[in-house]
């Protein structure tokens, strides 16, 4: 059985403003309350997570993630109202497109596709 997997990436110039990984990072930041905790949960370096947040924050009219510096009471990060809205809309778009396997165009492609690739002819 063929599978349909759509990966939605929204671009701001040459930069990916939102994609599946960035949406997962936003959700983790919302859940964990910090970039470092979100990075740990996602098995990603803090630097990588911070660079992704920085890219997102530079691509939208307002920042998606606000940070507060760490101190004795701790620091943290939270999604702004725009960050929450962007994540909600992105997830809704993902959900809508996942149901696209009922589409006649997909059905036509699936019908023409083999269940498994043929052996290479260069062997």
PDB file of N, CA and C in Angstrom:
ATOM      1  N   UNK A   1       0.846  -1.192   0.000  1.00  0.00           N
ATOM      2  CA  UNK A   1       0.000   0.000   0.000  1.00  0.00           C
ATOM      3  C   UNK A   1       0.888   1.252   0.000  1.00  0.00           C
ATOM      4  N   UNK A   2       0.607   2.176  -0.870  1.00  0.00           N
ATOM      5  CA  UNK A   2       1.372   3.410  -0.949  1.00  0.00           C
ATOM      6  C   UNK A   2       0.977   4.319   0.216  1.00  0.00           C
ATOM      7  N   UNK A   3       1.940   5.118   0.623  1.00  0.00           N
ATOM      8  CA  UNK A   3       1.709   6.096   1.681  1.00  0.00           C
ATOM      9  C   UNK A   3       1.853   7.485   1.108  1.00  0.00           C
ATOM     10  N   UNK A   4       1.078   8.389   1.662  1.00  0.00           N
ATOM     11  CA  UNK A   4       1.196   9.790   1.285  1.00  0.00           C
ATOM     12  C   UNK A   4       1.760  10.524   2.491  1.00  0.00           C
ATOM     13  N   UNK A   5       2.919  11.143   2.301  1.00  0.00           N
ATOM     14  CA  UNK A   5       3.530  11.921   3.370  1.00  0.00           C
ATOM     15  C   UNK A   5       3.855  13.288   2.805  1.00  0.00           C
ATOM     16  N   UNK A   6       3.180  14.275   3.319  1.00  0.00           N
ATOM     17  CA  UNK A   6       3.413  15.645   2.867  1.00  0.00           C
ATOM     18  C   UNK A   6       4.187  16.387   3.948  1.00  0.00           C
ATOM     19  N   UNK A   7       5.199  17.104   3.528  1.00  0.00           N
ATOM     20  CA  UNK A   7       6.012  17.889   4.452  1.00  0.00           C
ATOM     21  C   UNK A   7       5.817  19.348   4.083  1.00  0.00           C
ATOM     22  N   UNK A   8       5.210  20.101   4.963  1.00  0.00           N
ATOM     23  CA  UNK A   8       4.904  21.497   4.693  1.00  0.00           C
ATOM     24  C   UNK A   8       6.040  22.365   5.229  1.00  0.00           C
ATOM     25  N   UNK A   9       6.601  23.172   4.359  1.00  0.00           N
ATOM     26  CA  UNK A   9       7.615  24.138   4.751  1.00  0.00           C
ATOM     27  C   UNK A   9       7.176  25.506   4.246  1.00  0.00           C
ATOM     28  N   UNK A  10       7.140  26.455   5.150  1.00  0.00           N
ATOM     29  CA  UNK A  10       6.817  27.838   4.800  1.00  0.00           C
ATOM     30  C   UNK A  10       8.130  28.610   4.746  1.00  0.00           C
ATOM     31  N   UNK A  11       8.357  29.304   3.641  1.00  0.00           N
ATOM     32  CA  UNK A  11       9.617  30.026   3.448  1.00  0.00           C
ATOM     33  C   UNK A  11       9.457  31.522   3.629  1.00  0.00           C
ATOM     34  N   UNK A  12      10.484  32.102   4.193  1.00  0.00           N
ATOM     35  CA  UNK A  12      10.635  33.549   4.314  1.00  0.00           C
ATOM     36  C   UNK A  12      11.959  33.828   3.593  1.00  0.00           C
ATOM     37  N   UNK A  13      11.879  34.256   2.350  1.00  0.00           N
ATOM     38  CA  UNK A  13      13.103  34.346   1.549  1.00  0.00           C
ATOM     39  C   UNK A  13      13.649  32.945   1.367  1.00  0.00           C
ATOM     40  N   UNK A  14      14.927  32.746   1.660  1.00  0.00           N
ATOM     41  CA  UNK A  14      15.547  31.420   1.555  1.00  0.00           C
ATOM     42  C   UNK A  14      15.491  30.647   2.865  1.00  0.00           C
ATOM     43  N   UNK A  15      14.971  31.260   3.903  1.00  0.00           N
ATOM     44  CA  UNK A  15      14.923  30.657   5.246  1.00  0.00           C
ATOM     45  C   UNK A  15      13.605  29.914   5.434  1.00  0.00           C
ATOM     46  N   UNK A  16      13.661  28.736   6.058  1.00  0.00           N
ATOM     47  CA  UNK A  16      12.435  28.020   6.396  1.00  0.00           C
ATOM     48  C   UNK A  16      11.872  28.670   7.662  1.00  0.00           C
ATOM     49  N   UNK A  17      10.730  29.334   7.503  1.00  0.00           N
ATOM     50  CA  UNK A  17      10.096  30.023   8.630  1.00  0.00           C
ATOM     51  C   UNK A  17       9.354  29.040   9.524  1.00  0.00           C
ATOM     52  N   UNK A  18       8.801  27.976   8.925  1.00  0.00           N
ATOM     53  CA  UNK A  18       8.099  26.964   9.706  1.00  0.00           C
ATOM     54  C   UNK A  18       8.103  25.668   8.921  1.00  0.00           C
ATOM     55  N   UNK A  19       8.362  24.602   9.617  1.00  0.00           N
ATOM     56  CA  UNK A  19       8.338  23.263   9.056  1.00  0.00           C
ATOM     57  C   UNK A  19       8.027  22.289  10.179  1.00  0.00           C
ATOM     58  N   UNK A  20       8.000  21.011   9.889  1.00  0.00           N
ATOM     59  CA  UNK A  20       7.626  20.035  10.910  1.00  0.00           C
ATOM     60  C   UNK A  20       8.530  20.060  12.146  1.00  0.00           C
ATOM     61  N   UNK A  21       9.829  20.147  11.941  1.00  0.00           N
ATOM     62  CA  UNK A  21      10.755  20.165  13.078  1.00  0.00           C
ATOM     63  C   UNK A  21      10.618  21.418  13.925  1.00  0.00           C
ATOM     64  N   UNK A  22      10.439  22.554  13.274  1.00  0.00           N
ATOM     65  CA  UNK A  22      10.276  23.804  14.012  1.00  0.00           C
ATOM     66  C   UNK A  22       8.958  23.808  14.777  1.00  0.00           C
ATOM     67  N   UNK A  23       7.911  23.236  14.181  1.00  0.00           N
ATOM     68  CA  UNK A  23       6.627  23.132  14.887  1.00  0.00           C
ATOM     69  C   UNK A  23       6.790  22.231  16.113  1.00  0.00           C
ATOM     70  N   UNK A  24       7.509  21.121  15.956  1.00  0.00           N
ATOM     71  CA  UNK A  24       7.747  20.233  17.107  1.00  0.00           C
ATOM     72  C   UNK A  24       8.534  20.959  18.193  1.00  0.00           C
ATOM     73  N   UNK A  25       9.509  21.769  17.788  1.00  0.00           N
ATOM     74  CA  UNK A  25      10.289  22.528  18.764  1.00  0.00           C
ATOM     75  C   UNK A  25       9.405  23.545  19.495  1.00  0.00           C
ATOM     76  N   UNK A  26       8.551  24.254  18.764  1.00  0.00           N
ATOM     77  CA  UNK A  26       7.640  25.201  19.416  1.00  0.00           C
ATOM     78  C   UNK A  26       6.752  24.483  20.436  1.00  0.00           C
ATOM     79  N   UNK A  27       6.223  23.322  20.053  1.00  0.00           N
ATOM     80  CA  UNK A  27       5.367  22.563  20.962  1.00  0.00           C
ATOM     81  C   UNK A  27       6.144  22.136  22.203  1.00  0.00           C
ATOM     82  N   UNK A  28       7.396  21.728  22.021  1.00  0.00           N
ATOM     83  CA  UNK A  28       8.223  21.316  23.156  1.00  0.00           C
ATOM     84  C   UNK A  28       8.546  22.503  24.066  1.00  0.00           C
ATOM     85  N   UNK A  29       8.813  23.657  23.488  1.00  0.00           N
ATOM     86  CA  UNK A  29       9.072  24.858  24.296  1.00  0.00           C
ATOM     87  C   UNK A  29       7.822  25.222  25.090  1.00  0.00           C
ATOM     88  N   UNK A  30       6.675  25.136  24.450  1.00  0.00           N
ATOM     89  CA  UNK A  30       5.419  25.444  25.141  1.00  0.00           C
ATOM     90  C   UNK A  30       5.212  24.491  26.321  1.00  0.00           C
ATOM     91  N   UNK A  31       5.507  23.227  26.104  1.00  0.00           N
ATOM     92  CA  UNK A  31       5.317  22.198  27.130  1.00  0.00           C
ATOM     93  C   UNK A  31       6.356  22.298  28.247  1.00  0.00           C
ATOM     94  N   UNK A  32       7.627  22.511  27.858  1.00  0.00           N
ATOM     95  CA  UNK A  32       8.740  22.451  28.814  1.00  0.00           C
ATOM     96  C   UNK A  32       9.059  23.782  29.482  1.00  0.00           C
ATOM     97  N   UNK A  33       8.736  24.885  28.816  1.00  0.00           N
ATOM     98  CA  UNK A  33       8.986  26.196  29.405  1.00  0.00           C
ATOM     99  C   UNK A  33      10.392  26.724  29.230  1.00  0.00           C
ATOM    100  N   UNK A  34      11.212  26.033  28.448  1.00  0.00           N
ATOM    101  CA  UNK A  34      12.555  26.550  28.174  1.00  0.00           C
ATOM    102  C   UNK A  34      13.086  25.918  26.895  1.00  0.00           C
ATOM    103  N   UNK A  35      14.009  26.630  26.271  1.00  0.00           N
ATOM    104  CA  UNK A  35      14.623  26.112  25.049  1.00  0.00           C
ATOM    105  C   UNK A  35      15.516  24.924  25.378  1.00  0.00           C
ATOM    106  N   UNK A  36      16.269  25.024  26.465  1.00  0.00           N
ATOM    107  CA  UNK A  36      17.193  23.930  26.807  1.00  0.00           C
ATOM    108  C   UNK A  36      16.433  22.653  27.151  1.00  0.00           C
ATOM    109  N   UNK A  37      15.340  22.766  27.893  1.00  0.00           N
ATOM    110  CA  UNK A  37      14.555  21.574  28.229  1.00  0.00           C
ATOM    111  C   UNK A  37      13.903  20.991  26.975  1.00  0.00           C
ATOM    112  N   UNK A  38      13.421  21.860  26.100  1.00  0.00           N
ATOM    113  CA  UNK A  38      12.827  21.389  24.845  1.00  0.00           C
ATOM    114  C   UNK A  38      13.879  20.671  24.006  1.00  0.00           C
ATOM    115  N   UNK A  39      15.092  21.228  23.953  1.00  0.00           N
ATOM    116  CA  UNK A  39      16.177  20.601  23.192  1.00  0.00           C
ATOM    117  C   UNK A  39      16.492  19.218  23.750  1.00  0.00           C
ATOM    118  N   UNK A  40      16.559  19.099  25.065  1.00  0.00           N
ATOM    119  CA  UNK A  40      16.843  17.797  25.688  1.00  0.00           C
ATOM    120  C   UNK A  40      15.776  16.769  25.319  1.00  0.00           C
ATOM    121  N   UNK A  41      14.511  17.174  25.421  1.00  0.00           N
ATOM    122  CA  UNK A  41      13.405  16.268  25.107  1.00  0.00           C
ATOM    123  C   UNK A  41      13.470  15.820  23.652  1.00  0.00           C
ATOM    124  N   UNK A  42      13.917  16.713  22.788  1.00  0.00           N
ATOM    125  CA  UNK A  42      13.981  16.406  21.351  1.00  0.00           C
ATOM    126  C   UNK A  42      15.320  15.800  20.947  1.00  0.00           C
ATOM    127  N   UNK A  43      16.206  15.571  21.928  1.00  0.00           N
ATOM    128  CA  UNK A  43      17.524  15.008  21.666  1.00  0.00           C
ATOM    129  C   UNK A  43      18.294  15.856  20.649  1.00  0.00           C
ATOM    130  N   UNK A  44      18.321  17.162  20.934  1.00  0.00           N
ATOM    131  CA  UNK A  44      18.971  18.136  20.059  1.00  0.00           C
ATOM    132  C   UNK A  44      19.854  19.020  20.937  1.00  0.00           C
ATOM    133  N   UNK A  45      20.912  19.552  20.370  1.00  0.00           N
ATOM    134  CA  UNK A  45      21.768  20.436  21.161  1.00  0.00           C
ATOM    135  C   UNK A  45      21.036  21.753  21.431  1.00  0.00           C
ATOM    136  N   UNK A  46      21.409  22.384  22.531  1.00  0.00           N
ATOM    137  CA  UNK A  46      20.820  23.688  22.857  1.00  0.00           C
ATOM    138  C   UNK A  46      21.118  24.675  21.726  1.00  0.00           C
ATOM    139  N   UNK A  47      22.346  24.633  21.222  1.00  0.00           N
ATOM    140  CA  UNK A  47      22.728  25.564  20.150  1.00  0.00           C
ATOM    141  C   UNK A  47      21.835  25.390  18.926  1.00  0.00           C
ATOM    142  N   UNK A  48      21.573  24.160  18.525  1.00  0.00           N
ATOM    143  CA  UNK A  48      20.716  23.902  17.363  1.00  0.00           C
ATOM    144  C   UNK A  48      19.310  24.435  17.628  1.00  0.00           C
ATOM    145  N   UNK A  49      18.779  24.166  18.812  1.00  0.00           N
ATOM    146  CA  UNK A  49      17.433  24.643  19.155  1.00  0.00           C
ATOM    147  C   UNK A  49      17.401  26.171  19.147  1.00  0.00           C
ATOM    148  N   UNK A  50      18.424  26.786  19.718  1.00  0.00           N
ATOM    149  CA  UNK A  50      18.469  28.245  19.777  1.00  0.00           C
ATOM    150  C   UNK A  50      18.531  28.825  18.365  1.00  0.00           C
ATOM    151  N   UNK A  51      19.319  28.219  17.483  1.00  0.00           N
ATOM    152  CA  UNK A  51      19.411  28.703  16.094  1.00  0.00           C
ATOM    153  C   UNK A  51      18.072  28.576  15.368  1.00  0.00           C
ATOM    154  N   UNK A  52      17.341  27.502  15.620  1.00  0.00           N
ATOM    155  CA  UNK A  52      16.020  27.334  15.011  1.00  0.00           C
ATOM    156  C   UNK A  52      15.039  28.392  15.524  1.00  0.00           C
ATOM    157  N   UNK A  53      15.074  28.639  16.829  1.00  0.00           N
ATOM    158  CA  UNK A  53      14.208  29.681  17.412  1.00  0.00           C
ATOM    159  C   UNK A  53      14.582  31.041  16.834  1.00  0.00           C
ATOM    160  N   UNK A  54      15.868  31.314  16.734  1.00  0.00           N
ATOM    161  CA  UNK A  54      16.318  32.580  16.176  1.00  0.00           C
ATOM    162  C   UNK A  54      15.820  32.748  14.738  1.00  0.00           C
ATOM    163  N   UNK A  55      15.923  31.692  13.939  1.00  0.00           N
ATOM    164  CA  UNK A  55      15.445  31.756  12.549  1.00  0.00           C
ATOM    165  C   UNK A  55      13.947  32.037  12.516  1.00  0.00           C
ATOM    166  N   UNK A  56      13.186  31.329  13.356  1.00  0.00           N
ATOM    167  CA  UNK A  56      11.734  31.569  13.384  1.00  0.00           C
ATOM    168  C   UNK A  56      11.433  33.012  13.799  1.00  0.00           C
ATOM    169  N   UNK A  57      12.094  33.477  14.836  1.00  0.00           N
ATOM    170  CA  UNK A  57      11.831  34.825  15.335  1.00  0.00           C
ATOM    171  C   UNK A  57      12.156  35.906  14.308  1.00  0.00           C
ATOM    172  N   UNK A  58      13.104  35.624  13.403  1.00  0.00           N
ATOM    173  CA  UNK A  58      13.474  36.594  12.377  1.00  0.00           C
ATOM    174  C   UNK A  58      12.544  36.579  11.172  1.00  0.00           C
ATOM    175  N   UNK A  59      11.712  35.546  11.069  1.00  0.00           N
ATOM    176  CA  UNK A  59      10.882  35.376   9.872  1.00  0.00           C
ATOM    177  C   UNK A  59       9.444  35.855  10.021  1.00  0.00           C
ATOM    178  N   UNK A  60       9.027  36.191  11.198  1.00  0.00           N
ATOM    179  CA  UNK A  60       7.629  36.574  11.409  1.00  0.00           C
ATOM    180  C   UNK A  60       7.551  38.035  11.838  1.00  0.00           C
ATOM    181  N   UNK A  61       6.403  38.639  11.658  1.00  0.00           N
ATOM    182  CA  UNK A  61       6.214  40.060  11.989  1.00  0.00           C
ATOM    183  C   UNK A  61       6.487  40.353  13.453  1.00  0.00           C
ATOM    184  N   UNK A  62       6.256  39.378  14.292  1.00  0.00           N
ATOM    185  CA  UNK A  62       6.579  39.456  15.724  1.00  0.00           C
ATOM    186  C   UNK A  62       7.281  38.161  16.099  1.00  0.00           C
ATOM    187  N   UNK A  63       8.027  38.171  17.198  1.00  0.00           N
ATOM    188  CA  UNK A  63       8.717  36.949  17.616  1.00  0.00           C
ATOM    189  C   UNK A  63       7.696  35.880  18.009  1.00  0.00           C
ATOM    190  N   UNK A  64       8.078  34.621  17.826  1.00  0.00           N
ATOM    191  CA  UNK A  64       7.221  33.499  18.212  1.00  0.00           C
ATOM    192  C   UNK A  64       7.563  32.995  19.604  1.00  0.00           C
ATOM    193  N   UNK A  65       8.832  33.195  19.996  1.00  0.00           N
ATOM    194  CA  UNK A  65       9.307  32.717  21.301  1.00  0.00           C
ATOM    195  C   UNK A  65       9.961  33.884  22.028  1.00  0.00           C
ATOM    196  N   UNK A  66       9.502  34.123  23.242  1.00  0.00           N
ATOM    197  CA  UNK A  66      10.143  35.123  24.119  1.00  0.00           C
ATOM    198  C   UNK A  66      10.973  34.372  25.140  1.00  0.00           C
ATOM    199  N   UNK A  67      12.171  34.891  25.393  1.00  0.00           N
ATOM    200  CA  UNK A  67      13.041  34.256  26.382  1.00  0.00           C
ATOM    201  C   UNK A  67      13.310  35.220  27.526  1.00  0.00           C
ATOM    202  N   UNK A  68      13.577  34.639  28.688  1.00  0.00           N
ATOM    203  CA  UNK A  68      14.030  35.441  29.824  1.00  0.00           C
ATOM    204  C   UNK A  68      15.324  34.809  30.300  1.00  0.00           C
ATOM    205  N   UNK A  69      16.334  35.646  30.569  1.00  0.00           N
ATOM    206  CA  UNK A  69      17.645  35.110  30.931  1.00  0.00           C
ATOM    207  C   UNK A  69      17.593  34.296  32.223  1.00  0.00           C
ATOM    208  N   UNK A  70      18.446  33.301  32.276  1.00  0.00           N
ATOM    209  CA  UNK A  70      18.539  32.474  33.473  1.00  0.00           C
ATOM    210  C   UNK A  70      19.189  33.229  34.619  1.00  0.00           C
ATOM    211  N   UNK A  71      18.717  32.948  35.802  1.00  0.00           N
ATOM    212  CA  UNK A  71      19.313  33.511  37.017  1.00  0.00           C
ATOM    213  C   UNK A  71      19.029  32.546  38.166  1.00  0.00           C
ATOM    214  N   UNK A  72      19.166  32.990  39.406  1.00  0.00           N
ATOM    215  CA  UNK A  72      18.936  32.102  40.549  1.00  0.00           C
ATOM    216  C   UNK A  72      17.523  31.546  40.549  1.00  0.00           C
ATOM    217  N   UNK A  73      16.568  32.326  40.067  1.00  0.00           N
ATOM    218  CA  UNK A  73      15.179  31.870  40.007  1.00  0.00           C
ATOM    219  C   UNK A  73      14.893  31.090  38.728  1.00  0.00           C
ATOM    220  N   UNK A  74      15.883  31.006  37.855  1.00  0.00           N
ATOM    221  CA  UNK A  74      15.713  30.303  36.585  1.00  0.00           C
ATOM    222  C   UNK A  74      15.291  31.256  35.492  1.00  0.00           C
ATOM    223  N   UNK A  75      15.435  30.824  34.285  1.00  0.00           N
ATOM    224  CA  UNK A  75      15.016  31.608  33.134  1.00  0.00           C
ATOM    225  C   UNK A  75      13.896  30.865  32.454  1.00  0.00           C
ATOM    226  N   UNK A  76      13.824  31.010  31.188  1.00  0.00           N
ATOM    227  CA  UNK A  76      12.810  30.248  30.492  1.00  0.00           C
ATOM    228  C   UNK A  76      12.464  30.839  29.156  1.00  0.00           C
ATOM    229  N   UNK A  77      11.510  30.207  28.538  1.00  0.00           N
ATOM    230  CA  UNK A  77      11.022  30.648  27.240  1.00  0.00           C
ATOM    231  C   UNK A  77       9.541  30.325  27.170  1.00  0.00           C
ATOM    232  N   UNK A  78       8.833  31.156  26.433  1.00  0.00           N
ATOM    233  CA  UNK A  78       7.408  30.888  26.248  1.00  0.00           C
ATOM    234  C   UNK A  78       7.009  31.345  24.858  1.00  0.00           C
ATOM    235  N   UNK A  79       5.961  30.719  24.347  1.00  0.00           N
ATOM    236  CA  UNK A  79       5.440  31.144  23.062  1.00  0.00           C
ATOM    237  C   UNK A  79       4.643  32.419  23.252  1.00  0.00           C
ATOM    238  N   UNK A  80       4.812  33.328  22.337  1.00  0.00           N
ATOM    239  CA  UNK A  80       4.002  34.549  22.337  1.00  0.00           C
ATOM    240  C   UNK A  80       2.617  34.178  21.801  1.00  0.00           C
ATOM    241  N   UNK A  81       1.654  35.078  21.912  1.00  0.00           N
ATOM    242  CA  UNK A  81       0.353  34.797  21.294  1.00  0.00           C
ATOM    243  C   UNK A  81       0.483  34.479  19.797  1.00  0.00           C
ATOM    244  N   UNK A  82       1.389  35.193  19.090  1.00  0.00           N
ATOM    245  CA  UNK A  82       1.593  34.870  17.678  1.00  0.00           C
ATOM    246  C   UNK A  82       2.211  33.483  17.529  1.00  0.00           C
ATOM    247  N   UNK A  83       3.148  33.127  18.390  1.00  0.00           N
ATOM    248  CA  UNK A  83       3.756  31.795  18.349  1.00  0.00           C
ATOM    249  C   UNK A  83       2.719  30.704  18.541  1.00  0.00           C
ATOM    250  N   UNK A  84       1.801  30.906  19.484  1.00  0.00           N
ATOM    251  CA  UNK A  84       0.728  29.933  19.710  1.00  0.00           C
ATOM    252  C   UNK A  84      -0.174  29.837  18.476  1.00  0.00           C
ATOM    253  N   UNK A  85      -0.495  30.984  17.881  1.00  0.00           N
ATOM    254  CA  UNK A  85      -1.367  31.002  16.702  1.00  0.00           C
ATOM    255  C   UNK A  85      -0.693  30.333  15.507  1.00  0.00           C
ATOM    256  N   UNK A  86       0.588  30.627  15.286  1.00  0.00           N
ATOM    257  CA  UNK A  86       1.314  30.027  14.164  1.00  0.00           C
ATOM    258  C   UNK A  86       1.358  28.509  14.336  1.00  0.00           C
ATOM    259  N   UNK A  87       1.657  28.049  15.539  1.00  0.00           N
ATOM    260  CA  UNK A  87       1.700  26.606  15.792  1.00  0.00           C
ATOM    261  C   UNK A  87       0.324  25.982  15.564  1.00  0.00           C
ATOM    262  N   UNK A  88      -0.711  26.600  16.063  1.00  0.00           N
ATOM    263  CA  UNK A  88      -2.083  26.082  15.912  1.00  0.00           C
ATOM    264  C   UNK A  88      -2.474  26.006  14.429  1.00  0.00           C
ATOM    265  N   UNK A  89      -2.197  27.075  13.673  1.00  0.00           N
ATOM    266  CA  UNK A  89      -2.541  27.082  12.248  1.00  0.00           C
ATOM    267  C   UNK A  89      -1.710  26.076  11.452  1.00  0.00           C
ATOM    268  N   UNK A  90      -0.439  25.962  11.791  1.00  0.00           N
ATOM    269  CA  UNK A  90       0.427  25.011  11.095  1.00  0.00           C
ATOM    270  C   UNK A  90      -0.061  23.585  11.333  1.00  0.00           C
ATOM    271  N   UNK A  91      -0.389  23.253  12.593  1.00  0.00           N
ATOM    272  CA  UNK A  91      -0.887  21.909  12.911  1.00  0.00           C
ATOM    273  C   UNK A  91      -2.221  21.636  12.203  1.00  0.00           C
ATOM    274  N   UNK A  92      -3.082  22.645  12.120  1.00  0.00           N
ATOM    275  CA  UNK A  92      -4.363  22.473  11.424  1.00  0.00           C
ATOM    276  C   UNK A  92      -4.128  22.216   9.941  1.00  0.00           C
ATOM    277  N   UNK A  93      -3.165  22.913   9.356  1.00  0.00           N
ATOM    278  CA  UNK A  93      -2.829  22.707   7.953  1.00  0.00           C
ATOM    279  C   UNK A  93      -2.278  21.296   7.737  1.00  0.00           C
ATOM    280  N   UNK A  94      -1.402  20.848   8.633  1.00  0.00           N
ATOM    281  CA  UNK A  94      -0.883  19.480   8.554  1.00  0.00           C
ATOM    282  C   UNK A  94      -2.032  18.473   8.601  1.00  0.00           C
ATOM    283  N   UNK A  95      -2.930  18.667   9.536  1.00  0.00           N
ATOM    284  CA  UNK A  95      -4.072  17.760   9.709  1.00  0.00           C
ATOM    285  C   UNK A  95      -4.925  17.717   8.440  1.00  0.00           C
ATOM    286  N   UNK A  96      -5.198  18.875   7.889  1.00  0.00           N
ATOM    287  CA  UNK A  96      -6.025  18.946   6.687  1.00  0.00           C
ATOM    288  C   UNK A  96      -5.366  18.208   5.523  1.00  0.00           C
ATOM    289  N   UNK A  97      -4.059  18.397   5.356  1.00  0.00           N
ATOM    290  CA  UNK A  97      -3.372  17.772   4.225  1.00  0.00           C
ATOM    291  C   UNK A  97      -3.165  16.277   4.417  1.00  0.00           C
ATOM    292  N   UNK A  98      -3.135  15.805   5.656  1.00  0.00           N
ATOM    293  CA  UNK A  98      -2.997  14.372   5.886  1.00  0.00           C
ATOM    294  C   UNK A  98      -4.196  13.617   5.334  1.00  0.00           C
ATOM    295  N   UNK A  99      -5.347  14.253   5.271  1.00  0.00           N
ATOM    296  CA  UNK A  99      -6.535  13.618   4.717  1.00  0.00           C
ATOM    297  C   UNK A  99      -6.562  13.644   3.203  1.00  0.00           C
ATOM    298  N   UNK A 100      -5.478  14.073   2.570  1.00  0.00           N
ATOM    299  CA  UNK A 100      -5.439  14.227   1.116  1.00  0.00           C
ATOM    300  C   UNK A 100      -5.374  12.914   0.362  1.00  0.00           C
ATOM    301  N   UNK A 101      -5.245  11.787   1.041  1.00  0.00           N
ATOM    302  CA  UNK A 101      -5.137  10.511   0.332  1.00  0.00           C
ATOM    303  C   UNK A 101      -6.450  10.150  -0.361  1.00  0.00           C
ATOM    304  N   UNK A 102      -7.537  10.843  -0.035  1.00  0.00           N
ATOM    305  CA  UNK A 102      -8.811  10.637  -0.730  1.00  0.00           C
ATOM    306  C   UNK A 102      -8.861  11.394  -2.056  1.00  0.00           C
ATOM    307  N   UNK A 103      -7.905  12.239  -2.293  1.00  0.00           N
ATOM    308  CA  UNK A 103      -7.855  13.090  -3.486  1.00  0.00           C
ATOM    309  C   UNK A 103      -7.710  12.236  -4.753  1.00  0.00           C
ATOM    310  N   UNK A 104      -8.476  12.537  -5.799  1.00  0.00           N
ATOM    311  CA  UNK A 104      -8.368  11.767  -7.053  1.00  0.00           C
ATOM    312  C   UNK A 104      -6.962  11.780  -7.649  1.00  0.00           C
ATOM    313  N   UNK A 105      -6.241  12.884  -7.520  1.00  0.00           N
ATOM    314  CA  UNK A 105      -4.881  12.933  -8.055  1.00  0.00           C
ATOM    315  C   UNK A 105      -3.971  11.943  -7.326  1.00  0.00           C
ATOM    316  N   UNK A 106      -4.087  11.886  -6.006  1.00  0.00           N
ATOM    317  CA  UNK A 106      -3.289  10.921  -5.247  1.00  0.00           C
ATOM    318  C   UNK A 106      -3.695   9.500  -5.630  1.00  0.00           C
ATOM    319  N   UNK A 107      -4.980   9.251  -5.731  1.00  0.00           N
ATOM    320  CA  UNK A 107      -5.463   7.912  -6.090  1.00  0.00           C
ATOM    321  C   UNK A 107      -4.897   7.478  -7.445  1.00  0.00           C
ATOM    322  N   UNK A 108      -4.859   8.386  -8.427  1.00  0.00           N
ATOM    323  CA  UNK A 108      -4.315   8.069  -9.745  1.00  0.00           C
ATOM    324  C   UNK A 108      -2.826   7.743  -9.653  1.00  0.00           C
ATOM    325  N   UNK A 109      -2.087   8.519  -8.856  1.00  0.00           N
ATOM    326  CA  UNK A 109      -0.651   8.252  -8.692  1.00  0.00           C
ATOM    327  C   UNK A 109      -0.428   6.930  -7.974  1.00  0.00           C
ATOM    328  N   UNK A 110      -1.195   6.673  -6.930  1.00  0.00           N
ATOM    329  CA  UNK A 110      -1.053   5.432  -6.159  1.00  0.00           C
ATOM    330  C   UNK A 110      -1.354   4.218  -7.036  1.00  0.00           C
ATOM    331  N   UNK A 111      -2.335   4.339  -7.911  1.00  0.00           N
ATOM    332  CA  UNK A 111      -2.708   3.239  -8.807  1.00  0.00           C
ATOM    333  C   UNK A 111      -1.579   2.927  -9.801  1.00  0.00           C
ATOM    334  N   UNK A 112      -0.840   3.938 -10.224  1.00  0.00           N
ATOM    335  CA  UNK A 112       0.244   3.756 -11.193  1.00  0.00           C
ATOM    336  C   UNK A 112       1.553   3.312 -10.544  1.00  0.00           C
ATOM    337  N   UNK A 113       1.637   3.383  -9.210  1.00  0.00           N
ATOM    338  CA  UNK A 113       2.880   3.076  -8.505  1.00  0.00           C
ATOM    339  C   UNK A 113       2.937   1.607  -8.114  1.00  0.00           C
ATOM    340  N   UNK A 114       4.145   1.034  -8.180  1.00  0.00           N
ATOM    341  CA  UNK A 114       4.361  -0.337  -7.714  1.00  0.00           C
ATOM    342  C   UNK A 114       4.372  -0.369  -6.188  1.00  0.00           C
ATOM    343  N   UNK A 115       4.052  -1.514  -5.591  1.00  0.00           N
ATOM    344  CA  UNK A 115       4.112  -1.609  -4.129  1.00  0.00           C
ATOM    345  C   UNK A 115       5.539  -1.544  -3.593  1.00  0.00           C
ATOM    346  N   UNK A 116       6.508  -2.019  -4.388  1.00  0.00           N
ATOM    347  CA  UNK A 116       7.928  -1.995  -4.017  1.00  0.00           C
ATOM    348  C   UNK A 116       8.728  -1.642  -5.271  1.00  0.00           C
ATOM    349  N   UNK A 117       9.905  -1.018  -5.103  1.00  0.00           N
ATOM    350  CA  UNK A 117      10.720  -0.708  -6.282  1.00  0.00           C
ATOM    351  C   UNK A 117      11.234  -1.982  -6.962  1.00  0.00           C
ATOM    352  N   UNK A 118      11.414  -1.916  -8.253  1.00  0.00           N
ATOM    353  CA  UNK A 118      12.031  -3.017  -9.004  1.00  0.00           C
ATOM    354  C   UNK A 118      13.506  -3.107  -8.647  1.00  0.00           C
ATOM    355  N   UNK A 119      14.104  -4.248  -8.908  1.00  0.00           N
ATOM    356  CA  UNK A 119      15.537  -4.394  -8.700  1.00  0.00           C
ATOM    357  C   UNK A 119      16.265  -3.456  -9.654  1.00  0.00           C
ATOM    358  N   UNK A 120      17.415  -2.987  -9.221  1.00  0.00           N
ATOM    359  CA  UNK A 120      18.216  -2.100 -10.051  1.00  0.00           C
ATOM    360  C   UNK A 120      18.676  -2.836 -11.291  1.00  0.00           C
ATOM    361  N   UNK A 121      18.685  -2.144 -12.395  1.00  0.00           N
ATOM    362  CA  UNK A 121      19.125  -2.755 -13.640  1.00  0.00           C
ATOM    363  C   UNK A 121      20.626  -2.646 -13.819  1.00  0.00           C
ATOM    364  N   UNK A 122      21.291  -1.991 -12.875  1.00  0.00           N
ATOM    365  CA  UNK A 122      22.741  -1.792 -12.999  1.00  0.00           C
ATOM    366  C   UNK A 122      23.532  -2.809 -12.192  1.00  0.00           C
ATOM    367  N   UNK A 123      22.857  -3.831 -11.715  1.00  0.00           N
ATOM    368  CA  UNK A 123      23.587  -4.829 -10.903  1.00  0.00           C
ATOM    369  C   UNK A 123      24.307  -5.825 -11.746  1.00  0.00           C
TER     370      UNK A 123
END
